[in-house]
């Protein structure tokens, strides 16, 4: 699912499956999309906190092509670099799920 789809229909579900106990947990609710244009300072701080809590390797994924699209750049992915101290890149959207059903 892409962000534009979630903006139109913010309902989503998170699923966890534990193989040893054969248990599945499903949490359904509405998503709040927090991107760099969000006017709420508290939400922007949540987005930044999420960014700084990830590894540089994870952060580099946001510089690659969109999922499902071919990578057309001449620059190999391993040559990409990022200054993670500058904060989140524009491509980062933090999704917050407000549960209404478990």
C-alpha atoms as a PDB file:
ATOM      1  CA  UNK A   1       0.000   0.000   0.000  1.00  0.00           C
ATOM      2  CA  UNK A   2       1.277   3.440  -0.841  1.00  0.00           C
ATOM      3  CA  UNK A   3       0.971   6.637   1.196  1.00  0.00           C
ATOM      4  CA  UNK A   4      -1.472   8.174  -1.297  1.00  0.00           C
ATOM      5  CA  UNK A   5      -3.774   5.183  -0.813  1.00  0.00           C
ATOM      6  CA  UNK A   6      -3.608   5.568   2.966  1.00  0.00           C
ATOM      7  CA  UNK A   7      -4.471   9.260   2.662  1.00  0.00           C
ATOM      8  CA  UNK A   8      -7.667   8.297   0.819  1.00  0.00           C
ATOM      9  CA  UNK A   9      -8.508   5.373   3.099  1.00  0.00           C
ATOM     10  CA  UNK A  10      -6.577   5.549   6.402  1.00  0.00           C
ATOM     11  CA  UNK A  11      -7.795   2.199   7.732  1.00  0.00           C
ATOM     12  CA  UNK A  12      -4.977  -0.291   8.288  1.00  0.00           C
ATOM     13  CA  UNK A  13      -4.059  -3.405  10.208  1.00  0.00           C
ATOM     14  CA  UNK A  14      -0.889  -4.665  11.854  1.00  0.00           C
ATOM     15  CA  UNK A  15      -0.364  -8.404  12.150  1.00  0.00           C
ATOM     16  CA  UNK A  16       2.058 -10.456  14.255  1.00  0.00           C
ATOM     17  CA  UNK A  17       2.354 -14.220  14.070  1.00  0.00           C
ATOM     18  CA  UNK A  18       4.263 -16.261  16.640  1.00  0.00           C
ATOM     19  CA  UNK A  19       5.314 -19.580  15.126  1.00  0.00           C
ATOM     20  CA  UNK A  20       6.020 -21.417  18.388  1.00  0.00           C
ATOM     21  CA  UNK A  21       2.645 -20.697  19.993  1.00  0.00           C
ATOM     22  CA  UNK A  22       0.694 -20.496  16.714  1.00  0.00           C
ATOM     23  CA  UNK A  23      -0.788 -17.206  17.866  1.00  0.00           C
ATOM     24  CA  UNK A  24      -1.664 -14.314  15.630  1.00  0.00           C
ATOM     25  CA  UNK A  25      -2.324 -10.802  16.864  1.00  0.00           C
ATOM     26  CA  UNK A  26      -4.161  -8.376  14.603  1.00  0.00           C
ATOM     27  CA  UNK A  27      -4.609  -4.721  15.496  1.00  0.00           C
ATOM     28  CA  UNK A  28      -6.883  -2.639  13.268  1.00  0.00           C
ATOM     29  CA  UNK A  29      -7.359   1.107  13.291  1.00  0.00           C
ATOM     30  CA  UNK A  30      -6.809   4.396  11.508  1.00  0.00           C
ATOM     31  CA  UNK A  31      -3.406   5.656  10.486  1.00  0.00           C
ATOM     32  CA  UNK A  32      -1.986   9.106  10.988  1.00  0.00           C
ATOM     33  CA  UNK A  33       0.609   9.960   8.343  1.00  0.00           C
ATOM     34  CA  UNK A  34       3.355  12.240   9.621  1.00  0.00           C
ATOM     35  CA  UNK A  35       5.571  13.633   6.884  1.00  0.00           C
ATOM     36  CA  UNK A  36       7.835  16.679   6.789  1.00  0.00           C
ATOM     37  CA  UNK A  37       4.960  19.015   5.901  1.00  0.00           C
ATOM     38  CA  UNK A  38       2.935  18.225   9.025  1.00  0.00           C
ATOM     39  CA  UNK A  39       2.182  21.477  10.900  1.00  0.00           C
ATOM     40  CA  UNK A  40       2.092  19.797  14.357  1.00  0.00           C
ATOM     41  CA  UNK A  41       5.451  20.337  16.142  1.00  0.00           C
ATOM     42  CA  UNK A  42       4.928  17.343  18.454  1.00  0.00           C
ATOM     43  CA  UNK A  43       4.318  15.039  15.483  1.00  0.00           C
ATOM     44  CA  UNK A  44       7.381  16.407  13.696  1.00  0.00           C
ATOM     45  CA  UNK A  45       9.426  15.601  16.824  1.00  0.00           C
ATOM     46  CA  UNK A  46       8.013  12.034  16.793  1.00  0.00           C
ATOM     47  CA  UNK A  47       9.102  11.700  13.150  1.00  0.00           C
ATOM     48  CA  UNK A  48      12.600  12.962  13.964  1.00  0.00           C
ATOM     49  CA  UNK A  49      12.874  10.630  16.961  1.00  0.00           C
ATOM     50  CA  UNK A  50      11.935   7.689  14.747  1.00  0.00           C
ATOM     51  CA  UNK A  51      14.556   8.759  12.172  1.00  0.00           C
ATOM     52  CA  UNK A  52      17.374   9.079  14.702  1.00  0.00           C
ATOM     53  CA  UNK A  53      16.505   5.728  16.285  1.00  0.00           C
ATOM     54  CA  UNK A  54      17.178   3.841  13.026  1.00  0.00           C
ATOM     55  CA  UNK A  55      20.527   2.698  11.706  1.00  0.00           C
ATOM     56  CA  UNK A  56      22.314   4.473   8.848  1.00  0.00           C
ATOM     57  CA  UNK A  57      21.761   1.352   6.751  1.00  0.00           C
ATOM     58  CA  UNK A  58      18.017   1.647   7.298  1.00  0.00           C
ATOM     59  CA  UNK A  59      18.105   5.367   6.549  1.00  0.00           C
ATOM     60  CA  UNK A  60      19.835   4.697   3.217  1.00  0.00           C
ATOM     61  CA  UNK A  61      16.772   2.768   2.040  1.00  0.00           C
ATOM     62  CA  UNK A  62      14.910   6.069   1.733  1.00  0.00           C
ATOM     63  CA  UNK A  63      17.350   7.220  -0.971  1.00  0.00           C
ATOM     64  CA  UNK A  64      16.591   4.278  -3.254  1.00  0.00           C
ATOM     65  CA  UNK A  65      13.769   3.908  -5.746  1.00  0.00           C
ATOM     66  CA  UNK A  66      10.160   3.626  -4.626  1.00  0.00           C
ATOM     67  CA  UNK A  67       9.193   0.015  -3.846  1.00  0.00           C
ATOM     68  CA  UNK A  68       7.911  -1.800  -6.895  1.00  0.00           C
ATOM     69  CA  UNK A  69       9.638   0.520  -9.362  1.00  0.00           C
ATOM     70  CA  UNK A  70      12.795  -0.325 -11.314  1.00  0.00           C
ATOM     71  CA  UNK A  71      16.050   1.313 -10.241  1.00  0.00           C
ATOM     72  CA  UNK A  72      17.174   3.354 -13.266  1.00  0.00           C
ATOM     73  CA  UNK A  73      20.056   5.328 -11.771  1.00  0.00           C
ATOM     74  CA  UNK A  74      23.594   4.821 -12.995  1.00  0.00           C
ATOM     75  CA  UNK A  75      24.837   5.202  -9.409  1.00  0.00           C
ATOM     76  CA  UNK A  76      25.026   1.873  -7.573  1.00  0.00           C
ATOM     77  CA  UNK A  77      23.082   1.770  -4.320  1.00  0.00           C
ATOM     78  CA  UNK A  78      26.201   0.944  -2.293  1.00  0.00           C
ATOM     79  CA  UNK A  79      27.705   4.321  -3.311  1.00  0.00           C
ATOM     80  CA  UNK A  80      24.863   6.312  -1.722  1.00  0.00           C
ATOM     81  CA  UNK A  81      25.672   8.185   1.451  1.00  0.00           C
ATOM     82  CA  UNK A  82      23.661  10.102   3.964  1.00  0.00           C
ATOM     83  CA  UNK A  83      24.357  12.558   6.752  1.00  0.00           C
ATOM     84  CA  UNK A  84      21.964  11.131   9.308  1.00  0.00           C
ATOM     85  CA  UNK A  85      22.638  13.998  11.728  1.00  0.00           C
ATOM     86  CA  UNK A  86      20.721  16.416   9.471  1.00  0.00           C
ATOM     87  CA  UNK A  87      17.383  14.771  10.201  1.00  0.00           C
ATOM     88  CA  UNK A  88      14.818  12.846   8.199  1.00  0.00           C
ATOM     89  CA  UNK A  89      14.833  12.873   4.423  1.00  0.00           C
ATOM     90  CA  UNK A  90      11.662  13.982   2.635  1.00  0.00           C
ATOM     91  CA  UNK A  91      10.732  10.407   1.733  1.00  0.00           C
ATOM     92  CA  UNK A  92      10.254   9.421   5.396  1.00  0.00           C
ATOM     93  CA  UNK A  93       6.645   9.204   6.530  1.00  0.00           C
ATOM     94  CA  UNK A  94       5.952   8.054  10.065  1.00  0.00           C
ATOM     95  CA  UNK A  95       2.744   6.049  10.327  1.00  0.00           C
ATOM     96  CA  UNK A  96       0.970   6.007  13.676  1.00  0.00           C
ATOM     97  CA  UNK A  97      -1.841   3.490  14.126  1.00  0.00           C
ATOM     98  CA  UNK A  98      -4.718   4.471  16.428  1.00  0.00           C
ATOM     99  CA  UNK A  99      -6.195   1.046  17.267  1.00  0.00           C
ATOM    100  CA  UNK A 100      -9.925   0.456  17.432  1.00  0.00           C
ATOM    101  CA  UNK A 101      -9.957  -3.349  17.309  1.00  0.00           C
ATOM    102  CA  UNK A 102      -7.665  -6.145  18.531  1.00  0.00           C
END
